[in-house]
């Protein structure tokens, strides 16, 4: 009977040693994974900086384009006012001129709407993408911190378990 208990104790010690070896392997694997994730995060950070540096000149160009369109619209509005005074003086010939100016104004306004409709969505989409990436990075780090805490708690429990197993073995010896 004592010999069986000794064999069980040896088997238990071997299992504990194997578990610790597995835990060490797991820790090294996790360290490698964390290093890879860190390098990927650095790459993403660099890419975001590149996008930012490319996005700023584009936004400046869009602002310049908007200012030019506003100037054109202002000039067109001024021209319309001048033409309306001419229309009062020469009613017979002005209908065709007013129609042409109205068509030009509509075309310019349509052009402005098209420009705005084509520029705004990509800019907003890019801003949303940048926001989503930052939320993703924040979530990743929060998850990483929580896993680290859970791993520490699990490790502390594993350290306490062998004591409980020895007590259980001692209870078996009493039987």
Protein backbone atom coordinates (compact mmCIF):
# COMPACT_ATOMS: atom_id res chain seq x y z
CA UNK A 1 0.00 0.00 0.00
CA UNK A 2 2.82 2.38 0.89
CA UNK A 3 4.55 1.52 -2.33
CA UNK A 4 1.41 2.46 -4.29
CA UNK A 5 1.22 5.77 -2.48
CA UNK A 6 4.87 6.44 -3.28
CA UNK A 7 4.20 5.66 -6.95
CA UNK A 8 1.23 7.96 -6.90
CA UNK A 9 3.35 10.69 -5.28
CA UNK A 10 6.05 10.25 -7.94
CA UNK A 11 3.43 10.32 -10.73
CA UNK A 12 1.92 13.45 -9.20
CA UNK A 13 5.32 15.13 -9.05
CA UNK A 14 6.02 14.20 -12.69
CA UNK A 15 2.64 15.61 -13.75
CA UNK A 16 3.35 18.83 -11.84
CA UNK A 17 6.76 19.14 -13.52
CA UNK A 18 5.22 18.54 -16.95
CA UNK A 19 2.55 21.17 -16.24
CA UNK A 20 5.23 23.70 -15.29
CA UNK A 21 7.20 22.89 -18.45
CA UNK A 22 4.01 23.37 -20.47
CA UNK A 23 3.39 26.64 -18.68
CA UNK A 24 6.92 27.85 -19.49
CA UNK A 25 6.43 26.92 -23.16
CA UNK A 26 3.10 28.74 -23.14
CA UNK A 27 4.70 31.85 -21.65
CA UNK A 28 7.43 31.91 -24.33
CA UNK A 29 4.85 31.40 -27.06
CA UNK A 30 2.79 34.25 -25.67
CA UNK A 31 5.86 36.48 -25.58
CA UNK A 32 6.57 35.75 -29.25
CA UNK A 33 2.94 36.48 -30.11
CA UNK A 34 3.03 39.73 -28.17
CA UNK A 35 6.21 40.79 -30.00
CA UNK A 36 4.56 40.07 -33.36
CA UNK A 37 1.45 42.00 -32.35
CA UNK A 38 3.60 44.90 -31.19
CA UNK A 39 5.41 45.05 -34.52
CA UNK A 40 2.08 44.93 -36.37
CA UNK A 41 0.79 47.79 -34.23
CA UNK A 42 3.92 49.78 -35.05
CA UNK A 43 3.33 49.12 -38.76
CA UNK A 44 -0.29 50.24 -38.47
CA UNK A 45 0.84 53.36 -36.63
CA UNK A 46 3.28 54.20 -39.42
CA UNK A 47 0.60 53.61 -42.04
CA UNK A 48 -1.79 55.90 -40.18
CA UNK A 49 0.90 58.59 -40.10
CA UNK A 50 1.41 58.14 -43.84
CA UNK A 51 -2.31 58.43 -44.48
CA UNK A 52 -2.48 61.52 -42.30
CA UNK A 53 0.39 63.18 -44.13
CA UNK A 54 -1.25 62.41 -47.47
CA UNK A 55 -4.71 63.42 -46.29
CA UNK A 56 -3.75 66.89 -45.09
CA UNK A 57 -2.64 68.18 -48.54
CA UNK A 58 -5.78 66.68 -50.09
CA UNK A 59 -7.96 68.49 -47.58
CA UNK A 60 -6.11 71.72 -48.30
CA UNK A 61 -6.73 71.22 -52.03
CA UNK A 62 -10.41 70.56 -51.39
CA UNK A 63 -10.66 73.74 -49.35
CA UNK A 64 -9.02 75.71 -52.17
CA UNK A 65 -11.41 74.14 -54.66
CA UNK A 66 -14.39 75.04 -52.48
CA UNK A 67 -13.16 78.64 -52.21
CA UNK A 68 -12.81 78.82 -56.00
CA UNK A 69 -16.30 77.41 -56.49
CA UNK A 70 -17.67 79.95 -54.00
CA UNK A 71 -15.93 82.77 -55.89
CA UNK A 72 -17.36 81.52 -59.17
CA UNK A 73 -20.84 81.35 -57.67
CA UNK A 74 -20.42 84.85 -56.24
CA UNK A 75 -19.36 86.15 -59.64
CA UNK A 76 -22.25 84.36 -61.32
CA UNK A 77 -24.65 85.94 -58.81
CA UNK A 78 -23.16 89.36 -59.57
CA UNK A 79 -23.58 88.71 -63.29
CA UNK A 80 -27.19 87.70 -62.76
CA UNK A 81 -27.88 91.01 -61.02
CA UNK A 82 -26.29 92.97 -63.87
CA UNK A 83 -28.27 90.97 -66.39
CA UNK A 84 -31.53 91.56 -64.56
CA UNK A 85 -31.04 95.35 -64.92
CA UNK A 86 -30.35 94.84 -68.62
CA UNK A 87 -33.50 92.70 -68.85
CA UNK A 88 -35.55 95.59 -67.52
CA UNK A 89 -34.19 97.84 -70.28
CA UNK A 90 -34.41 95.40 -73.16
CA UNK A 91 -37.30 92.98 -72.49
CA UNK A 92 -37.62 91.49 -75.92
CA UNK A 93 -34.08 90.19 -76.25
CA UNK A 94 -33.51 89.34 -72.64
CA UNK A 95 -35.55 86.15 -72.36
CA UNK A 96 -33.00 84.12 -74.24
CA UNK A 97 -30.13 85.72 -72.29
CA UNK A 98 -31.81 85.04 -68.94
CA UNK A 99 -32.43 81.42 -69.92
CA UNK A 100 -28.76 80.99 -70.88
CA UNK A 101 -27.57 82.57 -67.63
CA UNK A 102 -30.01 80.43 -65.64
CA UNK A 103 -28.73 77.31 -67.38
CA UNK A 104 -25.16 78.34 -66.64
CA UNK A 105 -26.03 78.95 -63.00
CA UNK A 106 -27.78 75.61 -62.75
CA UNK A 107 -24.79 73.89 -64.33
CA UNK A 108 -22.43 75.56 -61.91
CA UNK A 109 -24.66 74.71 -58.94
CA UNK A 110 -24.96 71.15 -60.23
CA UNK A 111 -21.19 71.04 -60.61
CA UNK A 112 -20.79 72.32 -57.05
CA UNK A 113 -23.20 69.66 -55.73
CA UNK A 114 -21.37 66.96 -57.67
CA UNK A 115 -18.02 68.12 -56.34
CA UNK A 116 -19.33 68.23 -52.77
CA UNK A 117 -21.06 64.85 -53.11
CA UNK A 118 -17.88 63.25 -54.43
CA UNK A 119 -15.51 64.86 -51.95
CA UNK A 120 -17.46 64.62 -48.69
CA UNK A 121 -18.11 60.82 -48.54
CA UNK A 122 -14.46 59.75 -48.97
CA UNK A 123 -13.29 62.29 -46.40
CA UNK A 124 -15.94 61.16 -43.92
CA UNK A 125 -15.20 57.50 -44.67
CA UNK A 126 -11.50 58.07 -44.04
CA UNK A 127 -12.26 59.84 -40.77
CA UNK A 128 -14.55 56.96 -39.73
CA UNK A 129 -11.86 54.42 -40.67
CA UNK A 130 -9.26 56.23 -38.59
CA UNK A 131 -11.72 56.34 -35.69
CA UNK A 132 -12.48 52.62 -36.08
CA UNK A 133 -8.77 51.76 -36.12
CA UNK A 134 -8.17 53.73 -32.93
CA UNK A 135 -11.16 51.99 -31.26
CA UNK A 136 -9.80 48.64 -32.42
CA UNK A 137 -6.37 49.38 -30.98
CA UNK A 138 -7.93 50.50 -27.70
CA UNK A 139 -10.03 47.32 -27.56
CA UNK A 140 -6.96 45.21 -28.29
CA UNK A 141 -5.02 46.71 -25.41
CA UNK A 142 -7.99 46.40 -23.03
CA UNK A 143 -8.36 42.74 -24.00
CA UNK A 144 -4.63 42.22 -23.60
CA UNK A 145 -4.70 43.73 -20.10
CA UNK A 146 -7.70 41.61 -19.08
CA UNK A 147 -6.07 38.43 -20.39
CA UNK A 148 -2.90 39.25 -18.55
CA UNK A 149 -4.89 39.64 -15.32
CA UNK A 150 -6.76 36.37 -15.96
CA UNK A 151 -3.51 34.56 -16.71
CA UNK A 152 -1.98 35.81 -13.47
CA UNK A 153 -5.09 34.69 -11.55
CA UNK A 154 -5.02 31.29 -13.29
CA UNK A 155 -1.30 30.96 -12.54
CA UNK A 156 -1.92 31.78 -8.86
CA UNK A 157 -4.65 29.10 -8.77
CA UNK A 158 -2.32 26.54 -10.34
CA UNK A 159 0.29 27.26 -7.70
CA UNK A 160 -2.33 26.68 -4.96
CA UNK A 161 -3.69 23.45 -6.51
CA UNK A 162 -0.72 21.20 -5.72
CA UNK A 163 -1.13 22.02 -2.02
CA UNK A 164 -4.77 20.91 -2.23
CA UNK A 165 -3.75 17.75 -4.10
CA UNK A 166 -1.23 16.87 -1.38
CA UNK A 167 -3.94 17.37 1.23
CA UNK A 168 -6.27 15.12 -0.81
CA UNK A 169 -3.56 12.47 -1.01
CA UNK A 170 -3.10 12.78 2.72
CA UNK A 171 -6.86 12.19 3.13
CA UNK A 172 -6.54 9.05 1.01
CA UNK A 173 -3.73 7.82 3.30
CA UNK A 174 -6.04 8.20 6.29
CA UNK A 175 -8.56 5.83 4.69
